[in-house]
Each structure stands twice: as structure tokens, then as C-alpha cells.
Amino acid sequence: MSEVGLLRTEERVELIGGELVPMNPKGSRHEVLKLAINLRWGRQHPDDTAFIPETTFHLSDDTFLEPDFLVFPRSVAIGDLRPDRVLLAVELSDTSIGFDLGPKALIYAHFGIRELWVIDAITRRIHVHREPTDDRYLSITPWSADDLVVPALAPSAFALRLADLDLGD
């Protein structure tokens, strides 16, 4: 759409149910957190598992999201990523926490993403969503920055304790 002039190149949108939804601008805390996680996971992820930041994730013909991270088996090609192949989806929030914990989490649940972490860059809490069913998650657990959060499906190398990251404060 940028190529034909419908969107400016700097505009960020997601396609949700056929509707273009503008994404909030990323704040500096979002970017600092994304860098810290990228560095941590880049150093310690196992060879049989991959992660990708900010990729366009095609959930259906009319729904594309841009999660901050997707973790998946390395044997799966990026073009073949489907909800049942994702081990962990991560959304980082500083200006969009209400949307990410509400409507966006429901979209992930609707498409059967088995584990979603919504990380609040301001309060430094990880909201772990598991057990998607009936367009919602049955289990949602908030964890503090001091808690070690271990993914249910992804290797333990993707465990995260926010207090251990260098977030520049």
C-alpha cells in the first residue's frame, strides 16, 4: 500500500478483520526493552528454535498482525508460520497496553496462539496468556519484573526476568 501511495512509508498499521488499524507510535521504553530482549534471546536461543522481531504475521486473509517477537521451530519457514506453529508470541507495550491486553489478545486467542506474553514496558509486568478457547484465554497471569517467566512451549532459553535486563535505568 505504501508503494501505491495509500500509506506513507512511516505509517504502521495492522489488518484486523479486513480493517486497517493504525498502530500507536513506539515509545523509547518499548525500543529499549525490544533491544534488550533481542540481545538476550539472540545469545542464548537453541539452534533448533528461531525468533523473529516485528514480522508481519498472516493469521488469515483479512488479519495480519505485527507482533514484537514470534518464537517458532527453526524447521518452519517464515512464510509458513501459522498459529499452530508458533511457540510464543510477544507484544511489548508502552503506549498501547489497553489495546494489547484487550482486543489484540482476543485476536490472538481467536486464532489459537497457544501462548502470548504482553509485556508492559512502563510497569515492567509480563502478562502471560495461555489456554486459548472460545476467542479468549482461560489463563492470564501477571508477573512482576523480579519473577522468572518460563514459556510453556518454547525452550527454557526464552525464559525472561525483566529485572535481569539492562534497560538503562
N, C-alpha and C. Protein backbone atom coordinates (compact mmCIF):
# COMPACT_ATOMS: atom_id res chain seq x y z
N MET A 1 0.82 -1.20 0.00
CA MET A 1 0.00 0.00 0.00
C MET A 1 0.86 1.26 0.00
N SER A 2 2.03 1.16 0.61
CA SER A 2 2.95 2.30 0.58
C SER A 2 3.43 2.55 -0.85
N GLU A 3 3.68 1.45 -1.56
CA GLU A 3 4.20 1.58 -2.92
C GLU A 3 3.24 2.30 -3.85
N VAL A 4 1.94 2.16 -3.63
CA VAL A 4 0.96 2.83 -4.50
C VAL A 4 0.43 4.12 -3.89
N GLY A 5 0.97 4.53 -2.74
CA GLY A 5 0.61 5.82 -2.17
C GLY A 5 -0.58 5.83 -1.22
N LEU A 6 -1.10 4.65 -0.86
CA LEU A 6 -2.22 4.62 0.07
C LEU A 6 -1.79 4.88 1.51
N LEU A 7 -0.56 4.52 1.82
CA LEU A 7 0.01 4.75 3.15
C LEU A 7 1.36 5.41 2.99
N ARG A 8 1.70 6.29 3.94
CA ARG A 8 3.05 6.82 3.97
C ARG A 8 3.98 5.71 4.47
N THR A 9 5.22 5.72 4.04
CA THR A 9 6.13 4.63 4.39
C THR A 9 6.34 4.51 5.89
N GLU A 10 6.21 5.60 6.64
CA GLU A 10 6.41 5.54 8.09
C GLU A 10 5.15 5.14 8.85
N GLU A 11 4.01 5.06 8.16
CA GLU A 11 2.77 4.66 8.84
C GLU A 11 2.81 3.17 9.15
N ARG A 12 2.39 2.84 10.36
CA ARG A 12 2.34 1.45 10.78
C ARG A 12 0.89 1.07 11.02
N VAL A 13 0.44 0.00 10.36
CA VAL A 13 -0.93 -0.46 10.52
C VAL A 13 -0.94 -1.97 10.64
N GLU A 14 -2.02 -2.48 11.20
CA GLU A 14 -2.28 -3.91 11.19
C GLU A 14 -3.63 -4.08 10.51
N LEU A 15 -3.84 -5.22 9.90
CA LEU A 15 -5.10 -5.55 9.26
C LEU A 15 -5.84 -6.51 10.17
N ILE A 16 -6.98 -6.06 10.69
CA ILE A 16 -7.74 -6.88 11.64
C ILE A 16 -9.15 -7.03 11.12
N GLY A 17 -9.48 -8.24 10.72
CA GLY A 17 -10.81 -8.50 10.18
C GLY A 17 -11.12 -7.66 8.95
N GLY A 18 -10.10 -7.39 8.15
CA GLY A 18 -10.28 -6.61 6.93
C GLY A 18 -10.21 -5.11 7.13
N GLU A 19 -10.05 -4.65 8.35
CA GLU A 19 -9.98 -3.22 8.65
C GLU A 19 -8.56 -2.82 9.00
N LEU A 20 -8.08 -1.74 8.38
CA LEU A 20 -6.75 -1.22 8.72
C LEU A 20 -6.83 -0.50 10.06
N VAL A 21 -5.99 -0.93 11.00
CA VAL A 21 -5.97 -0.35 12.33
C VAL A 21 -4.60 0.29 12.54
N PRO A 22 -4.57 1.63 12.73
CA PRO A 22 -3.28 2.28 12.96
C PRO A 22 -2.65 1.77 14.26
N MET A 23 -1.34 1.62 14.23
CA MET A 23 -0.61 1.21 15.42
C MET A 23 -0.09 2.46 16.13
N ASN A 24 -0.10 2.41 17.46
CA ASN A 24 0.45 3.52 18.23
C ASN A 24 1.94 3.66 17.95
N PRO A 25 2.44 4.88 18.02
CA PRO A 25 3.89 5.04 17.88
C PRO A 25 4.61 4.35 19.03
N LYS A 26 5.79 3.85 18.75
CA LYS A 26 6.58 3.17 19.79
C LYS A 26 7.29 4.23 20.62
N GLY A 27 7.25 4.07 21.91
CA GLY A 27 7.98 4.95 22.80
C GLY A 27 9.39 4.43 23.02
N SER A 28 10.21 5.23 23.68
CA SER A 28 11.60 4.83 23.89
C SER A 28 11.72 3.61 24.79
N ARG A 29 10.83 3.47 25.77
CA ARG A 29 10.89 2.29 26.65
C ARG A 29 10.62 1.01 25.86
N HIS A 30 9.71 1.09 24.91
CA HIS A 30 9.41 -0.04 24.04
C HIS A 30 10.67 -0.46 23.30
N GLU A 31 11.37 0.51 22.72
CA GLU A 31 12.55 0.21 21.92
C GLU A 31 13.70 -0.31 22.77
N VAL A 32 13.89 0.24 23.96
CA VAL A 32 14.94 -0.23 24.87
C VAL A 32 14.66 -1.68 25.28
N LEU A 33 13.41 -1.97 25.61
CA LEU A 33 13.02 -3.33 26.00
C LEU A 33 13.19 -4.29 24.84
N LYS A 34 12.79 -3.88 23.64
CA LYS A 34 12.92 -4.75 22.47
C LYS A 34 14.39 -5.07 22.20
N LEU A 35 15.26 -4.08 22.30
CA LEU A 35 16.68 -4.31 22.10
C LEU A 35 17.24 -5.28 23.14
N ALA A 36 16.88 -5.08 24.40
CA ALA A 36 17.40 -5.94 25.48
C ALA A 36 16.96 -7.40 25.29
N ILE A 37 15.70 -7.60 24.93
CA ILE A 37 15.21 -8.97 24.70
C ILE A 37 15.88 -9.57 23.47
N ASN A 38 16.00 -8.78 22.43
CA ASN A 38 16.64 -9.25 21.20
C ASN A 38 18.07 -9.71 21.47
N LEU A 39 18.82 -8.92 22.24
CA LEU A 39 20.19 -9.30 22.57
C LEU A 39 20.23 -10.56 23.43
N ARG A 40 19.36 -10.62 24.43
CA ARG A 40 19.34 -11.79 25.34
C ARG A 40 19.00 -13.06 24.57
N TRP A 41 17.89 -13.04 23.86
CA TRP A 41 17.47 -14.24 23.15
C TRP A 41 18.43 -14.59 22.01
N GLY A 42 19.03 -13.58 21.39
CA GLY A 42 19.98 -13.84 20.31
C GLY A 42 21.20 -14.60 20.79
N ARG A 43 21.60 -14.35 22.04
CA ARG A 43 22.77 -15.04 22.60
C ARG A 43 22.45 -16.45 23.06
N GLN A 44 21.24 -16.70 23.51
CA GLN A 44 21.00 -17.95 24.21
C GLN A 44 19.96 -18.88 23.59
N HIS A 45 19.35 -18.52 22.47
CA HIS A 45 18.34 -19.43 21.92
C HIS A 45 18.99 -20.69 21.35
N PRO A 46 18.32 -21.83 21.48
CA PRO A 46 18.87 -23.08 20.96
C PRO A 46 18.83 -23.09 19.42
N ASP A 47 19.70 -23.88 18.83
CA ASP A 47 19.81 -23.92 17.37
C ASP A 47 18.54 -24.40 16.67
N ASP A 48 17.73 -25.19 17.34
CA ASP A 48 16.53 -25.72 16.68
C ASP A 48 15.32 -24.81 16.81
N THR A 49 15.51 -23.64 17.40
CA THR A 49 14.42 -22.70 17.60
C THR A 49 14.84 -21.33 17.08
N ALA A 50 13.90 -20.63 16.45
CA ALA A 50 14.17 -19.30 15.92
C ALA A 50 13.21 -18.30 16.55
N PHE A 51 13.59 -17.04 16.46
CA PHE A 51 12.66 -15.97 16.84
C PHE A 51 12.86 -14.84 15.85
N ILE A 52 11.79 -14.12 15.62
CA ILE A 52 11.86 -13.01 14.67
C ILE A 52 11.14 -11.81 15.28
N PRO A 53 11.77 -10.65 15.22
CA PRO A 53 11.09 -9.45 15.72
C PRO A 53 10.30 -8.77 14.60
N GLU A 54 9.17 -8.22 15.00
CA GLU A 54 8.35 -7.35 14.15
C GLU A 54 8.15 -7.85 12.73
N THR A 55 7.68 -9.06 12.62
CA THR A 55 7.35 -9.59 11.30
C THR A 55 5.86 -9.45 11.07
N THR A 56 5.45 -9.39 9.83
CA THR A 56 4.03 -9.40 9.52
C THR A 56 3.56 -10.84 9.62
N PHE A 57 2.64 -11.06 10.53
CA PHE A 57 2.14 -12.40 10.84
C PHE A 57 0.75 -12.55 10.22
N HIS A 58 0.65 -13.35 9.18
CA HIS A 58 -0.61 -13.55 8.46
C HIS A 58 -1.44 -14.60 9.19
N LEU A 59 -2.45 -14.14 9.91
CA LEU A 59 -3.32 -15.07 10.64
C LEU A 59 -4.45 -15.58 9.74
N SER A 60 -4.89 -14.76 8.81
CA SER A 60 -5.91 -15.15 7.84
C SER A 60 -5.82 -14.17 6.68
N ASP A 61 -6.66 -14.36 5.68
CA ASP A 61 -6.64 -13.46 4.53
C ASP A 61 -6.94 -12.01 4.91
N ASP A 62 -7.68 -11.81 5.99
CA ASP A 62 -8.05 -10.44 6.35
C ASP A 62 -7.50 -9.99 7.71
N THR A 63 -6.56 -10.74 8.26
CA THR A 63 -5.97 -10.36 9.56
C THR A 63 -4.47 -10.60 9.55
N PHE A 64 -3.73 -9.48 9.61
CA PHE A 64 -2.27 -9.50 9.72
C PHE A 64 -1.90 -8.69 10.94
N LEU A 65 -1.12 -9.27 11.82
CA LEU A 65 -0.62 -8.55 12.99
C LEU A 65 0.90 -8.40 12.86
N GLU A 66 1.46 -7.51 13.67
CA GLU A 66 2.90 -7.33 13.70
C GLU A 66 3.39 -7.47 15.14
N PRO A 67 3.49 -8.73 15.62
CA PRO A 67 3.97 -8.93 16.99
C PRO A 67 5.42 -8.48 17.12
N ASP A 68 5.79 -8.13 18.33
CA ASP A 68 7.18 -7.72 18.56
C ASP A 68 8.13 -8.89 18.42
N PHE A 69 7.69 -10.08 18.82
CA PHE A 69 8.50 -11.29 18.64
C PHE A 69 7.59 -12.48 18.40
N LEU A 70 8.04 -13.38 17.53
CA LEU A 70 7.45 -14.70 17.39
C LEU A 70 8.57 -15.72 17.58
N VAL A 71 8.31 -16.74 18.37
CA VAL A 71 9.25 -17.82 18.60
C VAL A 71 8.64 -19.07 17.94
N PHE A 72 9.47 -19.79 17.18
CA PHE A 72 8.96 -20.93 16.43
C PHE A 72 10.09 -21.92 16.14
N PRO A 73 9.76 -23.16 15.80
CA PRO A 73 10.81 -24.12 15.44
C PRO A 73 11.56 -23.66 14.20
N ARG A 74 12.88 -23.80 14.21
CA ARG A 74 13.68 -23.38 13.06
C ARG A 74 13.29 -24.14 11.80
N SER A 75 12.73 -25.32 11.94
CA SER A 75 12.33 -26.12 10.78
C SER A 75 11.16 -25.50 10.01
N VAL A 76 10.49 -24.52 10.60
CA VAL A 76 9.36 -23.85 9.96
C VAL A 76 9.87 -22.62 9.22
N ALA A 77 9.58 -22.54 7.93
CA ALA A 77 9.96 -21.36 7.14
C ALA A 77 9.09 -20.18 7.56
N ILE A 78 9.65 -19.00 7.53
CA ILE A 78 8.90 -17.81 7.95
C ILE A 78 7.62 -17.67 7.14
N GLY A 79 7.67 -17.97 5.86
CA GLY A 79 6.47 -17.89 5.03
C GLY A 79 5.41 -18.91 5.39
N ASP A 80 5.80 -19.94 6.14
CA ASP A 80 4.86 -20.99 6.54
C ASP A 80 4.40 -20.84 7.99
N LEU A 81 4.70 -19.72 8.62
CA LEU A 81 4.26 -19.53 10.01
C LEU A 81 2.74 -19.47 10.08
N ARG A 82 2.19 -20.34 10.90
CA ARG A 82 0.76 -20.36 11.17
C ARG A 82 0.60 -20.41 12.68
N PRO A 83 -0.57 -20.08 13.17
CA PRO A 83 -0.76 -20.06 14.63
C PRO A 83 -0.34 -21.34 15.33
N ASP A 84 -0.61 -22.50 14.74
CA ASP A 84 -0.28 -23.76 15.42
C ASP A 84 1.21 -24.06 15.43
N ARG A 85 2.00 -23.29 14.69
CA ARG A 85 3.45 -23.50 14.64
C ARG A 85 4.20 -22.51 15.54
N VAL A 86 3.52 -21.53 16.06
CA VAL A 86 4.15 -20.53 16.92
C VAL A 86 4.21 -21.06 18.34
N LEU A 87 5.39 -21.00 18.92
CA LEU A 87 5.58 -21.45 20.30
C LEU A 87 5.30 -20.34 21.30
N LEU A 88 5.52 -19.09 20.89
CA LEU A 88 5.33 -17.95 21.77
C LEU A 88 5.21 -16.69 20.92
N ALA A 89 4.20 -15.88 21.20
CA ALA A 89 4.07 -14.55 20.60
C ALA A 89 4.25 -13.54 21.72
N VAL A 90 4.95 -12.44 21.42
CA VAL A 90 5.23 -11.43 22.43
C VAL A 90 4.87 -10.06 21.89
N GLU A 91 4.09 -9.32 22.66
CA GLU A 91 3.78 -7.93 22.37
C GLU A 91 4.40 -7.07 23.46
N LEU A 92 5.15 -6.05 23.07
CA LEU A 92 5.71 -5.09 24.01
C LEU A 92 4.85 -3.84 23.96
N SER A 93 4.51 -3.31 25.12
CA SER A 93 3.60 -2.17 25.17
C SER A 93 4.15 -1.06 26.03
N ASP A 94 4.08 0.14 25.52
CA ASP A 94 4.27 1.29 26.38
C ASP A 94 3.14 2.29 26.15
N THR A 95 2.68 2.42 24.92
CA THR A 95 1.57 3.33 24.65
C THR A 95 0.29 2.60 24.27
N SER A 96 0.33 1.27 24.17
CA SER A 96 -0.82 0.52 23.66
C SER A 96 -1.26 -0.60 24.59
N ILE A 97 -0.96 -0.50 25.87
CA ILE A 97 -1.21 -1.61 26.79
C ILE A 97 -2.69 -2.01 26.84
N GLY A 98 -3.59 -1.07 26.84
CA GLY A 98 -5.02 -1.40 26.88
C GLY A 98 -5.45 -2.19 25.66
N PHE A 99 -5.00 -1.79 24.50
CA PHE A 99 -5.34 -2.50 23.26
C PHE A 99 -4.69 -3.88 23.24
N ASP A 100 -3.42 -3.96 23.65
CA ASP A 100 -2.71 -5.24 23.60
C ASP A 100 -3.28 -6.25 24.59
N LEU A 101 -3.69 -5.79 25.77
CA LEU A 101 -4.27 -6.71 26.76
C LEU A 101 -5.73 -7.03 26.46
N GLY A 102 -6.40 -6.17 25.71
CA GLY A 102 -7.82 -6.36 25.42
C GLY A 102 -8.06 -6.93 24.03
N PRO A 103 -8.44 -6.07 23.08
CA PRO A 103 -8.80 -6.56 21.75
C PRO A 103 -7.73 -7.39 21.05
N LYS A 104 -6.47 -6.99 21.16
CA LYS A 104 -5.43 -7.73 20.44
C LYS A 104 -5.22 -9.11 21.03
N ALA A 105 -5.26 -9.24 22.36
CA ALA A 105 -5.15 -10.56 22.98
C ALA A 105 -6.31 -11.46 22.54
N LEU A 106 -7.49 -10.90 22.39
CA LEU A 106 -8.64 -11.69 21.92
C LEU A 106 -8.43 -12.19 20.50
N ILE A 107 -7.76 -11.38 19.67
CA ILE A 107 -7.46 -11.82 18.30
C ILE A 107 -6.49 -12.99 18.33
N TYR A 108 -5.44 -12.88 19.13
CA TYR A 108 -4.50 -13.99 19.25
C TYR A 108 -5.23 -15.26 19.75
N ALA A 109 -6.09 -15.11 20.73
CA ALA A 109 -6.84 -16.26 21.24
C ALA A 109 -7.74 -16.85 20.16
N HIS A 110 -8.43 -15.99 19.42
CA HIS A 110 -9.33 -16.43 18.36
C HIS A 110 -8.59 -17.32 17.35
N PHE A 111 -7.35 -16.97 17.05
CA PHE A 111 -6.58 -17.74 16.08
C PHE A 111 -5.77 -18.87 16.72
N GLY A 112 -5.95 -19.07 18.02
CA GLY A 112 -5.36 -20.23 18.69
C GLY A 112 -3.89 -20.12 19.03
N ILE A 113 -3.37 -18.91 19.17
CA ILE A 113 -1.98 -18.75 19.60
C ILE A 113 -1.90 -19.29 21.03
N ARG A 114 -1.11 -20.31 21.23
CA ARG A 114 -1.14 -21.05 22.49
C ARG A 114 -0.54 -20.29 23.67
N GLU A 115 0.39 -19.37 23.38
CA GLU A 115 0.95 -18.57 24.47
C GLU A 115 1.29 -17.19 23.95
N LEU A 116 0.78 -16.20 24.65
CA LEU A 116 1.02 -14.79 24.33
C LEU A 116 1.53 -14.10 25.58
N TRP A 117 2.62 -13.37 25.43
CA TRP A 117 3.11 -12.52 26.51
C TRP A 117 2.89 -11.08 26.09
N VAL A 118 2.22 -10.32 26.94
CA VAL A 118 2.11 -8.87 26.74
C VAL A 118 2.96 -8.25 27.84
N ILE A 119 4.03 -7.60 27.42
CA ILE A 119 4.98 -7.03 28.39
C ILE A 119 4.78 -5.53 28.45
N ASP A 120 4.41 -5.05 29.62
CA ASP A 120 4.21 -3.63 29.86
C ASP A 120 5.57 -2.99 30.15
N ALA A 121 6.05 -2.18 29.23
CA ALA A 121 7.37 -1.56 29.36
C ALA A 121 7.38 -0.48 30.44
N ILE A 122 6.21 0.02 30.82
CA ILE A 122 6.14 1.07 31.84
C ILE A 122 6.17 0.46 33.24
N THR A 123 5.25 -0.47 33.51
CA THR A 123 5.15 -1.07 34.85
C THR A 123 6.06 -2.29 35.00
N ARG A 124 6.63 -2.73 33.89
CA ARG A 124 7.51 -3.90 33.87
C ARG A 124 6.83 -5.15 34.43
N ARG A 125 5.69 -5.44 33.83
CA ARG A 125 4.94 -6.64 34.15
C ARG A 125 4.80 -7.46 32.87
N ILE A 126 4.86 -8.77 33.03
CA ILE A 126 4.61 -9.68 31.91
C ILE A 126 3.26 -10.34 32.16
N HIS A 127 2.34 -10.12 31.26
CA HIS A 127 1.01 -10.73 31.34
C HIS A 127 1.03 -11.96 30.43
N VAL A 128 1.02 -13.14 31.04
CA VAL A 128 1.12 -14.39 30.30
C VAL A 128 -0.28 -14.94 30.04
N HIS A 129 -0.58 -15.11 28.76
CA HIS A 129 -1.88 -15.63 28.31
C HIS A 129 -1.67 -17.04 27.79
N ARG A 130 -2.44 -17.98 28.34
CA ARG A 130 -2.37 -19.38 27.90
C ARG A 130 -3.77 -19.96 27.81
N GLU A 131 -3.88 -21.08 27.16
CA GLU A 131 -5.13 -21.84 27.01
C GLU A 131 -6.18 -21.06 26.23
N PRO A 132 -5.92 -20.81 24.94
CA PRO A 132 -6.93 -20.11 24.14
C PRO A 132 -8.14 -21.00 23.88
N THR A 133 -9.30 -20.43 24.07
CA THR A 133 -10.55 -21.15 23.80
C THR A 133 -11.68 -20.13 23.67
N ASP A 134 -12.61 -20.41 22.81
CA ASP A 134 -13.78 -19.54 22.65
C ASP A 134 -13.41 -18.06 22.52
N ASP A 135 -12.39 -17.77 21.74
CA ASP A 135 -11.96 -16.40 21.46
C ASP A 135 -11.46 -15.64 22.68
N ARG A 136 -10.96 -16.36 23.67
CA ARG A 136 -10.35 -15.72 24.84
C ARG A 136 -9.35 -16.69 25.44
N TYR A 137 -8.56 -16.19 26.38
CA TYR A 137 -7.61 -17.04 27.09
C TYR A 137 -8.19 -17.42 28.44
N LEU A 138 -8.15 -18.71 28.78
CA LEU A 138 -8.64 -19.16 30.07
C LEU A 138 -7.68 -18.80 31.20
N SER A 139 -6.39 -18.71 30.88
CA SER A 139 -5.39 -18.40 31.90
C SER A 139 -4.65 -17.12 31.51
N ILE A 140 -4.72 -16.12 32.38
CA ILE A 140 -3.96 -14.87 32.22
C ILE A 140 -3.31 -14.59 33.56
N THR A 141 -1.99 -14.59 33.57
CA THR A 141 -1.25 -14.40 34.82
C THR A 141 -0.28 -13.24 34.68
N PRO A 142 -0.40 -12.23 35.55
CA PRO A 142 0.60 -11.15 35.54
C PRO A 142 1.79 -11.52 36.41
N TRP A 143 3.00 -11.21 35.92
CA TRP A 143 4.23 -11.48 36.64
C TRP A 143 4.99 -10.18 36.81
N SER A 144 5.66 -10.03 37.92
CA SER A 144 6.42 -8.81 38.18
C SER A 144 7.80 -8.89 37.52
N ALA A 145 8.53 -7.80 37.53
CA ALA A 145 9.87 -7.74 36.93
C ALA A 145 10.84 -8.70 37.61
N ASP A 146 10.61 -9.02 38.88
CA ASP A 146 11.50 -9.92 39.61
C ASP A 146 11.20 -11.40 39.39
N ASP A 147 10.07 -11.71 38.79
CA ASP A 147 9.68 -13.10 38.56
C ASP A 147 10.36 -13.65 37.30
N LEU A 148 10.80 -14.89 37.36
CA LEU A 148 11.30 -15.57 36.18
C LEU A 148 10.11 -16.21 35.48
N VAL A 149 9.84 -15.76 34.27
CA VAL A 149 8.71 -16.27 33.49
C VAL A 149 9.26 -17.26 32.46
N VAL A 150 8.76 -18.48 32.52
CA VAL A 150 9.24 -19.56 31.66
C VAL A 150 8.12 -19.93 30.69
N PRO A 151 8.42 -19.94 29.40
CA PRO A 151 7.38 -20.29 28.43
C PRO A 151 6.95 -21.75 28.55
N ALA A 152 5.71 -22.01 28.24
CA ALA A 152 5.18 -23.37 28.33
C ALA A 152 5.64 -24.24 27.16
N LEU A 153 5.78 -23.67 25.96
CA LEU A 153 6.09 -24.45 24.77
C LEU A 153 7.48 -24.18 24.21
N ALA A 154 7.92 -22.95 24.27
CA ALA A 154 9.25 -22.59 23.77
C ALA A 154 10.30 -23.11 24.75
N PRO A 155 11.52 -23.33 24.29
CA PRO A 155 12.59 -23.78 25.19
C PRO A 155 12.82 -22.81 26.34
N SER A 156 13.34 -23.34 27.42
CA SER A 156 13.56 -22.51 28.62
C SER A 156 14.58 -21.40 28.39
N ALA A 157 15.34 -21.46 27.29
CA ALA A 157 16.27 -20.38 26.96
C ALA A 157 15.52 -19.07 26.72
N PHE A 158 14.22 -19.15 26.47
CA PHE A 158 13.40 -17.96 26.25
C PHE A 158 12.75 -17.46 27.55
N ALA A 159 13.10 -18.07 28.66
CA ALA A 159 12.61 -17.58 29.96
C ALA A 159 13.11 -16.15 30.14
N LEU A 160 12.35 -15.37 30.88
CA LEU A 160 12.68 -13.96 30.99
C LEU A 160 12.38 -13.44 32.39
N ARG A 161 13.34 -12.74 32.95
CA ARG A 161 13.14 -11.97 34.19
C ARG A 161 13.51 -10.53 33.81
N LEU A 162 12.52 -9.68 33.76
CA LEU A 162 12.75 -8.30 33.32
C LEU A 162 13.81 -7.60 34.15
N ALA A 163 13.89 -7.90 35.44
CA ALA A 163 14.87 -7.26 36.32
C ALA A 163 16.31 -7.59 35.91
N ASP A 164 16.51 -8.68 35.16
CA ASP A 164 17.85 -9.07 34.73
C ASP A 164 18.31 -8.35 33.46
N LEU A 165 17.41 -7.65 32.79
CA LEU A 165 17.76 -6.99 31.54
C LEU A 165 18.36 -5.62 31.79
N ASP A 166 19.27 -5.22 30.93
CA ASP A 166 19.84 -3.88 31.01
C ASP A 166 18.89 -2.93 30.29
N LEU A 167 18.05 -2.24 31.07
CA LEU A 167 17.06 -1.35 30.50
C LEU A 167 17.43 0.12 30.68
N GLY A 168 18.66 0.34 31.05
CA GLY A 168 19.18 1.70 31.08
C GLY A 168 18.64 2.61 32.16
N ASP A 169 18.18 2.06 33.27
CA ASP A 169 17.75 2.97 34.34
C ASP A 169 18.47 2.76 35.62
